[in-house]
Amino acid sequence: MRGSLEAFFAEHGYRTFAEVRMVNRWVDLMAVGNGRIIAVEMKLENWREAIRQAVAYQLGADFSAVGMPLGNAVNAYRNRFYFRKEGVGLFGVRVRTPEVRVLIEPERSTRMMPIIRDNLFDVVLVDGEEVMVPRSSKRIRERTAGLQFTEACDYETQDDEEKDGRDETRGRASR
């Protein structure tokens, strides 16, 4: 199912990342492109739980959706009121073919918290183009496969500098 969703997003100009950490959760699939972040929760059957998780992803993503096998997604579509009420999209995925049907379009998140979004990704230069790369992912090798870095933007935020200063102070005090 994930492969079909990745191909779908690639056709629409998005780069995808699996298992991206958002606060204390792991987003099954994140699509990044066109200035947008789309979080997708993949479930085989339990659409209620999937909606609950997708709503949590709206804190850091522009859009969130549930991806399910097409037959189960059609059954979940019968309860479209719950998806629409929360602004969560619904994708039906044909497992044997790389076909994805958008049964319910996701709506732009009204729950967005910029501090969460800003901590999801780092921006690196790849062949002169700025590319967003997740800061934390269970599949780090997968997320960097195919990227050829010509130059990376190394920077420290003020918070990092303050943290480094505190760590050194603690180190001296404990000697």
Protein backbone atom coordinates (compact mmCIF):
# COMPACT_ATOMS: atom_id res chain seq x y z
CA MET A 1 0.00 0.00 0.00
CA ARG A 2 2.82 2.40 0.87
CA GLY A 3 4.45 1.90 -2.53
CA SER A 4 1.24 2.83 -4.34
CA LEU A 5 0.85 5.99 -2.26
CA GLU A 6 4.51 6.93 -2.83
CA ALA A 7 4.05 6.54 -6.61
CA PHE A 8 0.84 8.59 -6.47
CA PHE A 9 2.55 11.46 -4.66
CA ALA A 10 5.63 11.28 -6.91
CA GLU A 11 3.34 11.72 -9.95
CA HIS A 12 2.05 14.93 -8.33
CA GLY A 13 5.52 16.35 -7.63
CA TYR A 14 5.95 15.29 -4.01
CA ARG A 15 8.89 13.61 -2.29
CA THR A 16 7.76 11.02 0.25
CA PHE A 17 9.23 9.88 3.56
CA ALA A 18 8.12 6.91 5.64
CA GLU A 19 7.86 6.85 9.44
CA VAL A 20 8.56 10.50 10.23
CA ARG A 21 8.56 11.51 13.88
CA MET A 22 6.11 14.25 14.86
CA VAL A 23 6.30 15.14 18.56
CA ASN A 24 5.56 11.78 20.21
CA ARG A 25 4.05 10.02 17.16
CA TRP A 26 5.32 8.38 13.98
CA VAL A 27 3.57 9.46 10.78
CA ASP A 28 3.30 6.50 8.39
CA LEU A 29 3.93 8.56 5.26
CA MET A 30 4.72 12.22 4.67
CA ALA A 31 4.60 13.82 1.26
CA VAL A 32 6.49 17.08 0.84
CA GLY A 33 6.33 19.35 -2.18
CA ASN A 34 4.77 22.40 -3.73
CA GLY A 35 5.22 24.17 -0.39
CA ARG A 36 2.94 21.66 1.35
CA ILE A 37 3.24 18.82 3.80
CA ILE A 38 0.70 15.99 3.62
CA ALA A 39 0.62 13.39 6.42
CA VAL A 40 -0.98 10.01 5.68
CA GLU A 41 -2.02 7.45 8.28
CA MET A 42 -2.27 3.99 6.73
CA LYS A 43 -4.69 1.48 8.20
CA LEU A 44 -6.09 -1.76 6.90
CA GLU A 45 -9.50 -1.49 8.57
CA ASN A 46 -9.90 0.73 11.64
CA TRP A 47 -10.96 4.05 10.10
CA ARG A 48 -11.99 5.56 13.47
CA GLU A 49 -8.48 5.12 14.89
CA ALA A 50 -7.00 6.35 11.62
CA ILE A 51 -9.04 9.57 11.79
CA ARG A 52 -7.93 10.13 15.39
CA GLN A 53 -4.29 9.80 14.39
CA ALA A 54 -4.69 11.91 11.23
CA VAL A 55 -6.24 14.71 13.29
CA ALA A 56 -3.13 14.69 15.53
CA TYR A 57 -0.95 15.07 12.41
CA GLN A 58 -2.77 18.29 11.53
CA LEU A 59 -0.65 20.00 14.20
CA GLY A 60 2.38 19.85 11.90
CA ALA A 61 1.07 19.09 8.41
CA ASP A 62 -0.86 21.28 6.01
CA PHE A 63 -3.13 18.37 5.12
CA SER A 64 -3.73 14.93 6.60
CA ALA A 65 -5.44 11.87 5.21
CA VAL A 66 -6.12 8.20 5.79
CA GLY A 67 -4.92 5.61 3.28
CA MET A 68 -6.74 2.26 3.21
CA PRO A 69 -7.17 -0.66 0.81
CA LEU A 70 -9.84 0.38 -1.68
CA GLY A 71 -12.55 -2.03 -0.46
CA ASN A 72 -12.15 -0.91 3.14
CA ALA A 73 -11.93 2.74 2.08
CA VAL A 74 -15.26 2.43 0.28
CA ASN A 75 -16.76 1.05 3.50
CA ALA A 76 -15.20 3.92 5.48
CA TYR A 77 -16.60 6.38 2.92
CA ARG A 78 -20.07 5.50 4.22
CA ASN A 79 -19.02 7.45 7.32
CA ARG A 80 -17.67 10.40 5.33
CA PHE A 81 -19.32 12.82 7.75
CA TYR A 82 -16.59 12.04 10.33
CA PHE A 83 -13.79 12.57 7.81
CA ARG A 84 -15.25 15.87 6.60
CA LYS A 85 -15.99 17.08 10.13
CA GLU A 86 -12.29 16.74 11.00
CA GLY A 87 -10.96 17.87 7.60
CA VAL A 88 -9.25 14.50 7.00
CA GLY A 89 -8.97 13.07 3.49
CA LEU A 90 -9.53 9.46 2.46
CA PHE A 91 -7.43 7.60 -0.11
CA GLY A 92 -8.49 4.22 -1.45
CA VAL A 93 -5.49 2.15 -2.55
CA ARG A 94 -5.64 -0.82 -4.89
CA VAL A 95 -3.11 -3.16 -3.38
CA ARG A 96 -2.18 -5.12 -6.51
CA THR A 97 -1.95 -2.17 -8.87
CA PRO A 98 -0.42 1.23 -8.17
CA GLU A 99 -3.78 2.96 -8.24
CA VAL A 100 -4.89 5.48 -5.66
CA ARG A 101 -8.36 7.00 -5.60
CA VAL A 102 -9.03 10.18 -3.67
CA LEU A 103 -12.42 9.49 -2.12
CA ILE A 104 -12.37 12.56 0.13
CA GLU A 105 -10.09 15.55 -0.48
CA PRO A 106 -8.23 16.61 2.67
CA GLU A 107 -8.84 20.15 3.87
CA ARG A 108 -6.12 22.58 4.91
CA SER A 109 -5.38 22.16 8.61
CA THR A 110 -6.83 24.70 10.99
CA ARG A 111 -4.93 23.10 13.88
CA MET A 112 -1.44 23.90 12.57
CA MET A 113 1.18 24.80 15.17
CA PRO A 114 4.17 26.44 13.44
CA ILE A 115 6.62 25.29 16.11
CA ILE A 116 5.76 21.66 15.39
CA ARG A 117 5.96 22.08 11.62
CA ASP A 118 9.26 23.94 11.85
CA ASN A 119 10.82 21.09 13.83
CA LEU A 120 9.78 18.34 11.39
CA PHE A 121 12.27 19.06 8.62
CA ASP A 122 15.67 20.49 7.83
CA VAL A 123 16.25 22.30 4.57
CA VAL A 124 19.33 21.23 2.61
CA LEU A 125 20.67 22.31 -0.76
CA VAL A 126 20.64 19.53 -3.35
CA ASP A 127 22.07 20.48 -6.74
CA GLY A 128 21.27 24.12 -5.99
CA GLU A 129 17.67 23.39 -4.96
CA GLU A 130 16.34 23.62 -1.41
CA VAL A 131 14.95 20.25 -0.31
CA MET A 132 13.13 19.46 2.93
CA VAL A 133 14.45 16.34 4.70
CA PRO A 134 12.90 14.94 7.90
CA ARG A 135 14.90 15.47 11.05
CA SER A 136 13.86 12.11 12.43
CA SER A 137 12.80 8.98 10.62
CA LYS A 138 12.83 5.28 11.41
CA ARG A 139 14.01 4.65 7.86
CA ILE A 140 16.91 7.06 7.56
CA ARG A 141 18.63 5.19 4.72
CA GLU A 142 15.38 5.14 2.74
CA ARG A 143 14.75 8.85 3.17
CA THR A 144 18.20 9.83 1.90
CA ALA A 145 18.45 7.26 -0.92
CA GLY A 146 18.80 8.99 -4.24
CA LEU A 147 19.84 12.32 -2.76
CA GLN A 148 23.22 13.55 -3.90
CA PHE A 149 24.25 16.37 -1.63
CA THR A 150 26.43 18.98 -3.28
CA GLU A 151 26.25 21.38 -0.36
CA ALA A 152 24.47 21.30 2.98
CA CYS A 153 23.42 24.25 5.07
CA ASP A 154 24.94 23.73 8.49
CA TYR A 155 23.58 26.06 11.10
CA GLU A 156 23.02 26.23 14.80
CA THR A 157 20.00 27.87 16.25
CA GLN A 158 20.22 30.07 19.31
CA ASP A 159 18.56 27.26 21.30
CA ASP A 160 21.31 24.85 20.22
CA GLU A 161 24.01 27.29 21.33
CA GLU A 162 22.33 27.80 24.71
CA LYS A 163 21.97 24.05 25.14
CA ASP A 164 25.66 23.54 24.29
CA GLY A 165 26.57 26.17 26.88
CA ARG A 166 24.48 24.45 29.56
CA ASP A 167 26.01 21.08 28.75
CA GLU A 168 29.54 22.47 29.16
CA THR A 169 28.59 24.14 32.44
CA ARG A 170 27.17 20.88 33.78
CA GLY A 171 30.31 19.08 32.67
CA ARG A 172 32.58 21.43 34.63
CA ALA A 173 30.41 21.38 37.71
CA SER A 174 30.33 17.59 37.87
CA ARG A 175 34.13 17.17 37.81
